[in-house]
Amino acid sequence: MPSCDGIREEFIRCMLRSECVFIKRHSVAECVTNKELESLVPSHCHLLRQSLFDCKRGLIDMRRRMRGVPNAGIKISQGQDDSSKWDS
């Protein structure tokens, strides 16, 4: 069964390095829930939070559990372009 541990750990690391927690010394919970402190959290952390939410939601969604996570097994190679095979 897939888990969201990797995204969760990355989100925690991101939040601990954010200005809100590291410099201003607020708790992670305060930085996540307080709208005034939201500007001190980088956008990367907000994206990780959304990804974590989607991952956890996917674990309990029976339709997604049966179909699997889209593009989970597909590796996209960096630097290779398949468009050249259509040029002939």
N, C-alpha and C. Protein backbone atom coordinates (compact mmCIF):
# COMPACT_ATOMS: atom_id res chain seq x y z
N MET A 1 0.84 -1.18 0.00
CA MET A 1 0.00 0.00 0.00
C MET A 1 0.89 1.24 0.00
N PRO A 2 0.62 2.18 -0.88
CA PRO A 2 1.42 3.40 -0.92
C PRO A 2 1.19 4.25 0.32
N SER A 3 2.20 5.00 0.68
CA SER A 3 2.06 5.89 1.82
C SER A 3 2.55 7.28 1.43
N CYS A 4 2.27 8.22 2.27
CA CYS A 4 2.61 9.61 2.00
C CYS A 4 3.80 10.07 2.84
N ASP A 5 4.62 9.13 3.31
CA ASP A 5 5.71 9.47 4.22
C ASP A 5 6.74 10.41 3.60
N GLY A 6 7.07 10.20 2.33
CA GLY A 6 8.08 11.04 1.67
C GLY A 6 7.62 12.49 1.56
N ILE A 7 6.39 12.69 1.17
CA ILE A 7 5.85 14.05 1.04
C ILE A 7 5.72 14.68 2.42
N ARG A 8 5.31 13.88 3.40
CA ARG A 8 5.15 14.38 4.76
C ARG A 8 6.49 14.87 5.33
N GLU A 9 7.54 14.08 5.15
CA GLU A 9 8.87 14.46 5.65
C GLU A 9 9.38 15.71 4.95
N GLU A 10 9.17 15.79 3.65
CA GLU A 10 9.60 16.97 2.89
C GLU A 10 8.85 18.22 3.34
N PHE A 11 7.54 18.08 3.61
CA PHE A 11 6.74 19.20 4.11
C PHE A 11 7.24 19.66 5.48
N ILE A 12 7.55 18.72 6.35
CA ILE A 12 8.05 19.07 7.69
C ILE A 12 9.38 19.79 7.58
N ARG A 13 10.30 19.27 6.74
CA ARG A 13 11.59 19.94 6.56
C ARG A 13 11.42 21.35 6.01
N CYS A 14 10.51 21.50 5.06
CA CYS A 14 10.27 22.81 4.46
C CYS A 14 9.74 23.79 5.50
N MET A 15 8.80 23.33 6.31
CA MET A 15 8.22 24.21 7.33
C MET A 15 9.25 24.59 8.40
N LEU A 16 10.10 23.64 8.78
CA LEU A 16 11.11 23.93 9.80
C LEU A 16 12.15 24.92 9.30
N ARG A 17 12.39 24.97 7.98
CA ARG A 17 13.34 25.92 7.40
C ARG A 17 12.70 27.26 7.03
N SER A 18 11.40 27.36 7.15
CA SER A 18 10.72 28.59 6.75
C SER A 18 11.01 29.72 7.73
N GLU A 19 10.83 30.94 7.26
CA GLU A 19 11.07 32.12 8.08
C GLU A 19 10.13 32.13 9.29
N CYS A 20 8.93 31.68 9.12
CA CYS A 20 7.93 31.70 10.18
C CYS A 20 8.39 30.88 11.39
N VAL A 21 8.96 29.70 11.14
CA VAL A 21 9.38 28.82 12.24
C VAL A 21 10.81 29.10 12.65
N PHE A 22 11.71 29.19 11.67
CA PHE A 22 13.14 29.27 11.96
C PHE A 22 13.55 30.62 12.55
N ILE A 23 13.04 31.70 12.02
CA ILE A 23 13.45 33.03 12.46
C ILE A 23 12.47 33.63 13.47
N LYS A 24 11.19 33.59 13.16
CA LYS A 24 10.18 34.22 14.03
C LYS A 24 9.79 33.34 15.21
N ARG A 25 10.20 32.07 15.21
CA ARG A 25 9.99 31.13 16.32
C ARG A 25 8.52 30.84 16.63
N HIS A 26 7.69 30.77 15.60
CA HIS A 26 6.31 30.33 15.78
C HIS A 26 6.28 28.82 15.61
N SER A 27 5.25 28.19 16.13
CA SER A 27 5.12 26.74 15.93
C SER A 27 4.65 26.47 14.50
N VAL A 28 4.85 25.24 14.06
CA VAL A 28 4.43 24.86 12.71
C VAL A 28 2.91 24.98 12.60
N ALA A 29 2.21 24.57 13.64
CA ALA A 29 0.75 24.65 13.62
C ALA A 29 0.27 26.09 13.49
N GLU A 30 0.94 27.02 14.17
CA GLU A 30 0.58 28.43 14.06
C GLU A 30 0.82 28.94 12.64
N CYS A 31 1.93 28.56 12.05
CA CYS A 31 2.27 29.02 10.70
C CYS A 31 1.31 28.47 9.66
N VAL A 32 0.80 27.28 9.89
CA VAL A 32 -0.10 26.66 8.92
C VAL A 32 -1.52 27.22 9.05
N THR A 33 -1.97 27.45 10.28
CA THR A 33 -3.37 27.84 10.47
C THR A 33 -3.60 29.35 10.50
N ASN A 34 -2.62 30.13 10.88
CA ASN A 34 -2.79 31.58 11.02
C ASN A 34 -2.62 32.26 9.66
N LYS A 35 -3.64 32.97 9.22
CA LYS A 35 -3.60 33.64 7.91
C LYS A 35 -2.59 34.79 7.89
N GLU A 36 -2.35 35.43 9.02
CA GLU A 36 -1.39 36.54 9.06
C GLU A 36 0.05 36.06 8.88
N LEU A 37 0.34 34.85 9.34
CA LEU A 37 1.69 34.30 9.23
C LEU A 37 1.92 33.57 7.91
N GLU A 38 0.89 33.44 7.11
CA GLU A 38 0.97 32.69 5.86
C GLU A 38 1.99 33.28 4.89
N SER A 39 2.18 34.59 4.95
CA SER A 39 3.13 35.23 4.03
C SER A 39 4.58 34.88 4.35
N LEU A 40 4.85 34.39 5.57
CA LEU A 40 6.21 34.02 5.96
C LEU A 40 6.59 32.60 5.53
N VAL A 41 5.62 31.87 5.00
CA VAL A 41 5.85 30.50 4.56
C VAL A 41 6.06 30.51 3.04
N PRO A 42 7.13 29.89 2.54
CA PRO A 42 7.38 29.89 1.09
C PRO A 42 6.30 29.14 0.32
N SER A 43 6.16 29.50 -0.93
CA SER A 43 5.13 28.87 -1.77
C SER A 43 5.41 27.38 -1.97
N HIS A 44 6.67 26.98 -1.93
CA HIS A 44 7.02 25.57 -2.05
C HIS A 44 6.38 24.75 -0.93
N CYS A 45 6.35 25.31 0.28
CA CYS A 45 5.73 24.61 1.41
C CYS A 45 4.22 24.51 1.23
N HIS A 46 3.61 25.54 0.66
CA HIS A 46 2.18 25.49 0.39
C HIS A 46 1.86 24.41 -0.64
N LEU A 47 2.71 24.28 -1.65
CA LEU A 47 2.52 23.24 -2.66
C LEU A 47 2.69 21.84 -2.06
N LEU A 48 3.68 21.70 -1.16
CA LEU A 48 3.87 20.41 -0.50
C LEU A 48 2.70 20.07 0.41
N ARG A 49 2.15 21.08 1.05
CA ARG A 49 0.97 20.85 1.90
C ARG A 49 -0.21 20.36 1.07
N GLN A 50 -0.41 20.97 -0.09
CA GLN A 50 -1.49 20.54 -0.97
C GLN A 50 -1.25 19.12 -1.49
N SER A 51 0.01 18.82 -1.82
CA SER A 51 0.35 17.48 -2.29
C SER A 51 0.11 16.44 -1.20
N LEU A 52 0.46 16.78 0.04
CA LEU A 52 0.22 15.87 1.16
C LEU A 52 -1.27 15.64 1.36
N PHE A 53 -2.06 16.70 1.25
CA PHE A 53 -3.50 16.58 1.36
C PHE A 53 -4.06 15.66 0.28
N ASP A 54 -3.61 15.88 -0.97
CA ASP A 54 -4.08 15.05 -2.08
C ASP A 54 -3.66 13.59 -1.90
N CYS A 55 -2.47 13.37 -1.39
CA CYS A 55 -1.98 12.01 -1.17
C CYS A 55 -2.83 11.31 -0.11
N LYS A 56 -3.07 11.97 1.00
CA LYS A 56 -3.88 11.37 2.06
C LYS A 56 -5.32 11.13 1.59
N ARG A 57 -5.82 12.05 0.83
CA ARG A 57 -7.17 11.91 0.28
C ARG A 57 -7.24 10.72 -0.67
N GLY A 58 -6.19 10.54 -1.45
CA GLY A 58 -6.15 9.43 -2.38
C GLY A 58 -6.09 8.08 -1.69
N LEU A 59 -5.56 8.03 -0.47
CA LEU A 59 -5.50 6.77 0.26
C LEU A 59 -6.88 6.28 0.69
N ILE A 60 -7.79 7.21 0.94
CA ILE A 60 -9.11 6.80 1.39
C ILE A 60 -10.16 6.82 0.29
N ASP A 61 -9.83 7.39 -0.86
CA ASP A 61 -10.77 7.43 -1.98
C ASP A 61 -10.73 6.08 -2.69
N MET A 62 -11.82 5.33 -2.60
CA MET A 62 -11.85 3.98 -3.16
C MET A 62 -11.67 3.97 -4.68
N ARG A 63 -12.16 4.97 -5.37
CA ARG A 63 -11.99 5.01 -6.83
C ARG A 63 -10.52 5.15 -7.19
N ARG A 64 -9.82 5.99 -6.48
CA ARG A 64 -8.40 6.19 -6.77
C ARG A 64 -7.58 4.99 -6.32
N ARG A 65 -8.00 4.34 -5.24
CA ARG A 65 -7.27 3.17 -4.77
C ARG A 65 -7.33 2.05 -5.79
N MET A 66 -8.46 1.93 -6.47
CA MET A 66 -8.60 0.87 -7.47
C MET A 66 -7.84 1.21 -8.75
N ARG A 67 -7.88 2.46 -9.15
CA ARG A 67 -7.23 2.88 -10.40
C ARG A 67 -5.74 3.13 -10.21
N GLY A 68 -5.36 3.52 -9.05
CA GLY A 68 -3.97 3.88 -8.78
C GLY A 68 -3.75 5.36 -9.02
N VAL A 69 -2.61 5.83 -8.61
CA VAL A 69 -2.26 7.22 -8.78
C VAL A 69 -1.85 7.43 -10.24
N PRO A 70 -2.43 8.42 -10.93
CA PRO A 70 -2.08 8.62 -12.33
C PRO A 70 -0.60 8.95 -12.51
N ASN A 71 0.01 8.34 -13.52
CA ASN A 71 1.42 8.56 -13.88
C ASN A 71 2.39 8.15 -12.78
N ALA A 72 1.98 7.25 -11.90
CA ALA A 72 2.85 6.85 -10.81
C ALA A 72 4.01 5.99 -11.29
N GLY A 73 3.79 5.14 -12.29
CA GLY A 73 4.84 4.25 -12.74
C GLY A 73 5.59 4.72 -13.95
N ILE A 74 5.30 5.91 -14.45
CA ILE A 74 5.92 6.42 -15.66
C ILE A 74 7.09 7.32 -15.29
N LYS A 75 8.26 7.01 -15.83
CA LYS A 75 9.42 7.86 -15.62
C LYS A 75 9.63 8.71 -16.84
N ILE A 76 9.76 9.98 -16.65
CA ILE A 76 10.01 10.91 -17.76
C ILE A 76 11.50 11.17 -17.79
N SER A 77 12.13 10.81 -18.91
CA SER A 77 13.57 10.99 -19.02
C SER A 77 13.89 12.44 -19.33
N GLN A 78 14.88 12.94 -18.65
CA GLN A 78 15.30 14.33 -18.82
C GLN A 78 16.15 14.45 -20.08
N GLY A 79 15.87 15.44 -20.89
CA GLY A 79 16.70 15.74 -22.03
C GLY A 79 16.37 14.97 -23.29
N GLN A 80 15.55 13.95 -23.23
CA GLN A 80 15.18 13.20 -24.42
C GLN A 80 13.88 13.75 -24.97
N ASP A 81 13.86 13.95 -26.25
CA ASP A 81 12.68 14.48 -26.91
C ASP A 81 12.23 13.47 -27.95
N ASP A 82 11.01 12.99 -27.82
CA ASP A 82 10.49 11.99 -28.75
C ASP A 82 9.91 12.61 -30.01
N SER A 83 9.91 13.91 -30.13
CA SER A 83 9.32 14.56 -31.28
C SER A 83 10.12 14.32 -32.56
N SER A 84 11.39 13.92 -32.45
CA SER A 84 12.21 13.72 -33.63
C SER A 84 11.75 12.53 -34.46
N LYS A 85 11.08 11.57 -33.87
CA LYS A 85 10.62 10.41 -34.63
C LYS A 85 9.46 10.76 -35.56
N TRP A 86 8.85 11.92 -35.39
CA TRP A 86 7.73 12.33 -36.24
C TRP A 86 8.19 13.23 -37.40
N ASP A 87 9.46 13.56 -37.43
CA ASP A 87 9.97 14.48 -38.45
C ASP A 87 10.19 13.82 -39.80
N SER A 88 10.18 12.52 -39.94
CA SER A 88 10.50 11.86 -41.22
C SER A 88 9.50 12.12 -42.29
